[in-house]
């Protein structure tokens, strides 16, 4: 029977344990554009619309962000502010690739 190679080594420090956990769970890594948009959604569309619509998906190769709305009037209102919404998204870190919004 072979000896356990870890048997003679010192235990990990708490800092090392936390760093390993963060690495394994993907914590403190760069956020994807979808995450950044979702985290800032209320700032992007405003409090009035934040609960009535949501980013659905981002097609990165075309730069198209699909937005799902709760109703026709919300879709229409967002359509009026489409350029403003797009500019707010493009100002976010890592979101300059968004070139078009599709509201449904």
N, C-alpha and C. Protein backbone atom coordinates (compact mmCIF):
# COMPACT_ATOMS: atom_id res chain seq x y z
N UNK A 1 0.82 -1.17 0.00
CA UNK A 1 0.00 0.00 0.00
C UNK A 1 0.88 1.25 0.00
N UNK A 2 0.56 2.18 -0.86
CA UNK A 2 1.34 3.41 -0.95
C UNK A 2 0.93 4.39 0.13
N UNK A 3 1.89 5.18 0.59
CA UNK A 3 1.60 6.20 1.58
C UNK A 3 0.87 7.37 0.93
N UNK A 4 0.01 8.01 1.71
CA UNK A 4 -0.73 9.19 1.23
C UNK A 4 0.26 10.36 1.16
N UNK A 5 0.44 10.96 -0.04
CA UNK A 5 1.43 12.05 -0.17
C UNK A 5 1.05 13.29 0.64
N UNK A 6 -0.22 13.47 0.96
CA UNK A 6 -0.65 14.64 1.72
C UNK A 6 -0.51 14.45 3.22
N UNK A 7 -0.21 13.24 3.62
CA UNK A 7 -0.19 12.90 5.04
C UNK A 7 0.85 13.72 5.81
N UNK A 8 2.00 13.96 5.24
CA UNK A 8 3.06 14.68 5.92
C UNK A 8 3.03 16.19 5.69
N UNK A 9 2.14 16.68 4.83
CA UNK A 9 2.12 18.12 4.54
C UNK A 9 1.28 18.88 5.56
N UNK A 10 1.56 20.16 5.64
CA UNK A 10 0.83 21.03 6.56
C UNK A 10 -0.57 21.31 6.02
N UNK A 11 -1.53 21.56 6.90
CA UNK A 11 -2.88 21.88 6.44
C UNK A 11 -2.89 23.25 5.75
N UNK A 12 -3.88 23.45 4.89
CA UNK A 12 -4.02 24.73 4.19
C UNK A 12 -4.44 25.82 5.16
N UNK A 13 -3.99 27.03 4.87
CA UNK A 13 -4.45 28.17 5.67
C UNK A 13 -5.87 28.52 5.25
N UNK A 14 -6.55 29.26 6.08
CA UNK A 14 -7.92 29.68 5.74
C UNK A 14 -7.93 30.49 4.45
N UNK A 15 -6.94 31.34 4.27
CA UNK A 15 -6.84 32.14 3.05
C UNK A 15 -6.74 31.24 1.82
N UNK A 16 -5.93 30.20 1.90
CA UNK A 16 -5.76 29.27 0.79
C UNK A 16 -7.06 28.52 0.50
N UNK A 17 -7.78 28.14 1.55
CA UNK A 17 -9.06 27.44 1.38
C UNK A 17 -10.05 28.34 0.67
N UNK A 18 -10.15 29.59 1.11
CA UNK A 18 -11.09 30.55 0.50
C UNK A 18 -10.72 30.79 -0.96
N UNK A 19 -9.44 30.99 -1.25
CA UNK A 19 -9.01 31.22 -2.63
C UNK A 19 -9.33 30.03 -3.53
N UNK A 20 -9.12 28.82 -3.02
CA UNK A 20 -9.46 27.62 -3.79
C UNK A 20 -10.96 27.53 -4.05
N UNK A 21 -11.76 27.84 -3.03
CA UNK A 21 -13.22 27.80 -3.19
C UNK A 21 -13.66 28.84 -4.22
N UNK A 22 -13.13 30.04 -4.13
CA UNK A 22 -13.50 31.09 -5.10
C UNK A 22 -13.15 30.66 -6.52
N UNK A 23 -11.99 30.07 -6.67
CA UNK A 23 -11.55 29.62 -7.99
C UNK A 23 -12.46 28.52 -8.52
N UNK A 24 -12.78 27.55 -7.66
CA UNK A 24 -13.63 26.43 -8.07
C UNK A 24 -15.05 26.86 -8.40
N UNK A 25 -15.56 27.85 -7.68
CA UNK A 25 -16.94 28.30 -7.88
C UNK A 25 -17.05 29.43 -8.90
N UNK A 26 -15.92 29.92 -9.41
CA UNK A 26 -15.95 30.99 -10.41
C UNK A 26 -16.27 32.35 -9.83
N UNK A 27 -16.04 32.52 -8.54
CA UNK A 27 -16.30 33.81 -7.90
C UNK A 27 -15.14 34.74 -8.19
N UNK A 28 -15.45 36.03 -8.31
CA UNK A 28 -14.45 37.07 -8.53
C UNK A 28 -13.80 36.96 -9.91
N UNK A 29 -14.53 36.42 -10.85
CA UNK A 29 -14.03 36.38 -12.21
C UNK A 29 -14.78 37.43 -13.01
N UNK A 30 -14.29 37.75 -14.17
CA UNK A 30 -14.91 38.75 -15.01
C UNK A 30 -16.34 38.36 -15.34
N UNK A 31 -17.24 39.31 -15.20
CA UNK A 31 -18.65 39.07 -15.49
C UNK A 31 -18.89 39.07 -16.99
N UNK A 32 -19.83 38.26 -17.43
CA UNK A 32 -20.21 38.24 -18.84
C UNK A 32 -21.08 39.46 -19.12
N UNK A 33 -21.19 39.87 -20.39
CA UNK A 33 -22.07 40.99 -20.72
C UNK A 33 -23.51 40.77 -20.23
N UNK A 34 -23.99 39.53 -20.31
CA UNK A 34 -25.35 39.24 -19.85
C UNK A 34 -25.50 39.51 -18.36
N UNK A 35 -24.48 39.13 -17.58
CA UNK A 35 -24.52 39.37 -16.14
C UNK A 35 -24.51 40.86 -15.83
N UNK A 36 -23.65 41.59 -16.52
CA UNK A 36 -23.54 43.03 -16.29
C UNK A 36 -24.87 43.72 -16.63
N UNK A 37 -25.47 43.34 -17.75
CA UNK A 37 -26.76 43.92 -18.15
C UNK A 37 -27.83 43.58 -17.12
N UNK A 38 -27.91 42.34 -16.70
CA UNK A 38 -28.91 41.92 -15.71
C UNK A 38 -28.74 42.66 -14.39
N UNK A 39 -27.50 42.79 -13.94
CA UNK A 39 -27.23 43.47 -12.68
C UNK A 39 -27.59 44.95 -12.73
N UNK A 40 -27.55 45.55 -13.90
CA UNK A 40 -27.82 46.98 -14.05
C UNK A 40 -29.15 47.27 -14.73
N UNK A 41 -30.02 46.27 -14.82
CA UNK A 41 -31.25 46.40 -15.59
C UNK A 41 -32.13 47.57 -15.14
N UNK A 42 -32.27 47.76 -13.85
CA UNK A 42 -33.11 48.84 -13.34
C UNK A 42 -32.54 50.20 -13.76
N UNK A 43 -31.24 50.34 -13.77
CA UNK A 43 -30.60 51.59 -14.21
C UNK A 43 -30.78 51.79 -15.72
N UNK A 44 -30.79 50.70 -16.45
CA UNK A 44 -30.87 50.78 -17.92
C UNK A 44 -32.26 51.20 -18.37
N UNK A 45 -33.30 50.56 -17.87
CA UNK A 45 -34.66 50.84 -18.35
C UNK A 45 -35.48 51.70 -17.39
N UNK A 46 -34.99 51.87 -16.18
CA UNK A 46 -35.70 52.67 -15.19
C UNK A 46 -36.59 51.81 -14.31
N UNK A 47 -36.91 52.37 -13.15
CA UNK A 47 -37.72 51.65 -12.16
C UNK A 47 -39.09 51.28 -12.72
N UNK A 48 -39.66 52.19 -13.50
CA UNK A 48 -41.01 51.99 -14.05
C UNK A 48 -41.12 50.71 -14.88
N UNK A 49 -40.07 50.39 -15.63
CA UNK A 49 -40.12 49.25 -16.55
C UNK A 49 -39.32 48.03 -16.09
N UNK A 50 -38.50 48.18 -15.08
CA UNK A 50 -37.60 47.08 -14.67
C UNK A 50 -38.35 45.79 -14.34
N UNK A 51 -39.54 45.90 -13.76
CA UNK A 51 -40.31 44.71 -13.42
C UNK A 51 -41.23 44.24 -14.52
N UNK A 52 -41.27 44.97 -15.63
CA UNK A 52 -42.19 44.64 -16.72
C UNK A 52 -41.48 44.13 -17.97
N UNK A 53 -40.17 44.05 -17.89
CA UNK A 53 -39.39 43.52 -19.02
C UNK A 53 -38.07 42.99 -18.49
N UNK A 54 -37.39 42.21 -19.32
CA UNK A 54 -36.11 41.63 -18.90
C UNK A 54 -35.28 41.27 -20.12
N UNK A 55 -33.95 41.34 -19.97
CA UNK A 55 -33.09 40.87 -21.05
C UNK A 55 -33.25 39.35 -21.17
N UNK A 56 -33.49 38.88 -22.38
CA UNK A 56 -33.74 37.46 -22.58
C UNK A 56 -32.47 36.72 -22.96
N UNK A 57 -31.77 37.22 -23.97
CA UNK A 57 -30.51 36.59 -24.38
C UNK A 57 -29.72 37.58 -25.24
N UNK A 58 -28.42 37.37 -25.29
CA UNK A 58 -27.53 38.18 -26.10
C UNK A 58 -26.85 37.28 -27.11
N UNK A 59 -27.00 37.61 -28.38
CA UNK A 59 -26.32 36.88 -29.45
C UNK A 59 -25.06 37.67 -29.75
N UNK A 60 -23.95 37.20 -29.20
CA UNK A 60 -22.70 37.97 -29.26
C UNK A 60 -22.16 38.16 -30.66
N UNK A 61 -22.30 37.16 -31.52
CA UNK A 61 -21.71 37.31 -32.87
C UNK A 61 -22.43 38.37 -33.71
N UNK A 62 -23.69 38.70 -33.39
CA UNK A 62 -24.40 39.76 -34.10
C UNK A 62 -24.56 41.01 -33.24
N UNK A 63 -24.30 40.90 -31.94
CA UNK A 63 -24.45 42.03 -31.04
C UNK A 63 -25.90 42.38 -30.76
N UNK A 64 -26.79 41.41 -30.89
CA UNK A 64 -28.22 41.63 -30.70
C UNK A 64 -28.66 41.16 -29.32
N UNK A 65 -29.28 42.08 -28.58
CA UNK A 65 -29.85 41.76 -27.27
C UNK A 65 -31.36 41.66 -27.43
N UNK A 66 -31.90 40.52 -27.04
CA UNK A 66 -33.34 40.30 -27.09
C UNK A 66 -33.93 40.64 -25.73
N UNK A 67 -34.98 41.45 -25.76
CA UNK A 67 -35.66 41.89 -24.54
C UNK A 67 -37.10 41.41 -24.59
N UNK A 68 -37.52 40.74 -23.53
CA UNK A 68 -38.89 40.22 -23.42
C UNK A 68 -39.70 41.18 -22.56
N UNK A 69 -40.88 41.57 -23.05
CA UNK A 69 -41.74 42.48 -22.30
C UNK A 69 -43.01 41.78 -21.85
N UNK A 70 -43.68 42.37 -20.85
CA UNK A 70 -44.89 41.78 -20.29
C UNK A 70 -46.13 42.10 -21.11
N UNK A 71 -46.08 43.17 -21.91
CA UNK A 71 -47.27 43.56 -22.66
C UNK A 71 -46.91 44.44 -23.85
N UNK A 72 -47.90 44.62 -24.72
CA UNK A 72 -47.73 45.47 -25.89
C UNK A 72 -47.38 46.91 -25.55
N UNK A 73 -48.09 47.53 -24.59
CA UNK A 73 -47.75 48.90 -24.23
C UNK A 73 -46.31 49.06 -23.72
N UNK A 74 -45.82 48.09 -22.96
CA UNK A 74 -44.45 48.15 -22.48
C UNK A 74 -43.49 48.05 -23.66
N UNK A 75 -43.79 47.16 -24.59
CA UNK A 75 -42.97 47.01 -25.79
C UNK A 75 -42.91 48.33 -26.56
N UNK A 76 -44.06 48.98 -26.69
CA UNK A 76 -44.12 50.25 -27.42
C UNK A 76 -43.32 51.34 -26.70
N UNK A 77 -43.47 51.44 -25.40
CA UNK A 77 -42.74 52.45 -24.63
C UNK A 77 -41.23 52.24 -24.73
N UNK A 78 -40.81 50.99 -24.61
CA UNK A 78 -39.37 50.71 -24.73
C UNK A 78 -38.87 51.02 -26.14
N UNK A 79 -39.71 50.78 -27.12
CA UNK A 79 -39.35 51.10 -28.50
C UNK A 79 -39.05 52.58 -28.69
N UNK A 80 -39.82 53.43 -27.99
CA UNK A 80 -39.59 54.87 -28.07
C UNK A 80 -38.22 55.25 -27.50
N UNK A 81 -37.77 54.52 -26.49
CA UNK A 81 -36.50 54.82 -25.81
C UNK A 81 -35.37 53.90 -26.24
N UNK A 82 -35.54 53.22 -27.34
CA UNK A 82 -34.58 52.20 -27.78
C UNK A 82 -33.15 52.74 -27.89
N UNK A 83 -32.98 53.91 -28.48
CA UNK A 83 -31.63 54.47 -28.65
C UNK A 83 -30.99 54.81 -27.31
N UNK A 84 -31.78 55.36 -26.39
CA UNK A 84 -31.26 55.69 -25.05
C UNK A 84 -30.85 54.42 -24.31
N UNK A 85 -31.70 53.41 -24.39
CA UNK A 85 -31.42 52.14 -23.71
C UNK A 85 -30.14 51.52 -24.27
N UNK A 86 -30.00 51.52 -25.58
CA UNK A 86 -28.82 50.96 -26.23
C UNK A 86 -27.55 51.70 -25.79
N UNK A 87 -27.61 53.03 -25.72
CA UNK A 87 -26.44 53.81 -25.29
C UNK A 87 -26.07 53.50 -23.84
N UNK A 88 -27.08 53.34 -22.97
CA UNK A 88 -26.81 53.00 -21.57
C UNK A 88 -26.13 51.63 -21.47
N UNK A 89 -26.59 50.69 -22.27
CA UNK A 89 -25.99 49.34 -22.26
C UNK A 89 -24.56 49.41 -22.75
N UNK A 90 -24.32 50.13 -23.84
CA UNK A 90 -22.99 50.20 -24.42
C UNK A 90 -21.97 50.87 -23.49
N UNK A 91 -22.43 51.70 -22.57
CA UNK A 91 -21.54 52.35 -21.61
C UNK A 91 -21.08 51.41 -20.50
N UNK A 92 -21.80 50.31 -20.31
CA UNK A 92 -21.43 49.36 -19.27
C UNK A 92 -20.17 48.60 -19.66
N UNK A 93 -19.39 48.25 -18.65
CA UNK A 93 -18.14 47.53 -18.90
C UNK A 93 -18.38 46.20 -19.59
N UNK A 94 -17.73 46.00 -20.73
CA UNK A 94 -17.83 44.74 -21.47
C UNK A 94 -19.06 44.61 -22.34
N UNK A 95 -19.85 45.68 -22.45
CA UNK A 95 -21.12 45.60 -23.19
C UNK A 95 -21.11 46.44 -24.48
N UNK A 96 -19.96 46.92 -24.88
CA UNK A 96 -19.85 47.69 -26.10
C UNK A 96 -20.17 46.90 -27.35
N UNK A 97 -20.19 45.58 -27.22
CA UNK A 97 -20.48 44.72 -28.37
C UNK A 97 -21.97 44.71 -28.73
N UNK A 98 -22.83 45.20 -27.84
CA UNK A 98 -24.27 45.23 -28.10
C UNK A 98 -24.54 46.33 -29.12
N UNK A 99 -25.08 45.95 -30.27
CA UNK A 99 -25.30 46.89 -31.37
C UNK A 99 -26.77 47.08 -31.71
N UNK A 100 -27.61 46.14 -31.26
CA UNK A 100 -29.02 46.18 -31.64
C UNK A 100 -29.88 45.58 -30.54
N UNK A 101 -31.10 46.14 -30.41
CA UNK A 101 -32.06 45.62 -29.46
C UNK A 101 -33.27 45.10 -30.21
N UNK A 102 -33.73 43.92 -29.83
CA UNK A 102 -34.95 43.33 -30.39
C UNK A 102 -35.91 43.21 -29.22
N UNK A 103 -37.00 43.96 -29.27
CA UNK A 103 -37.96 44.00 -28.18
C UNK A 103 -39.20 43.21 -28.57
N UNK A 104 -39.58 42.25 -27.73
CA UNK A 104 -40.78 41.46 -28.03
C UNK A 104 -41.65 41.30 -26.79
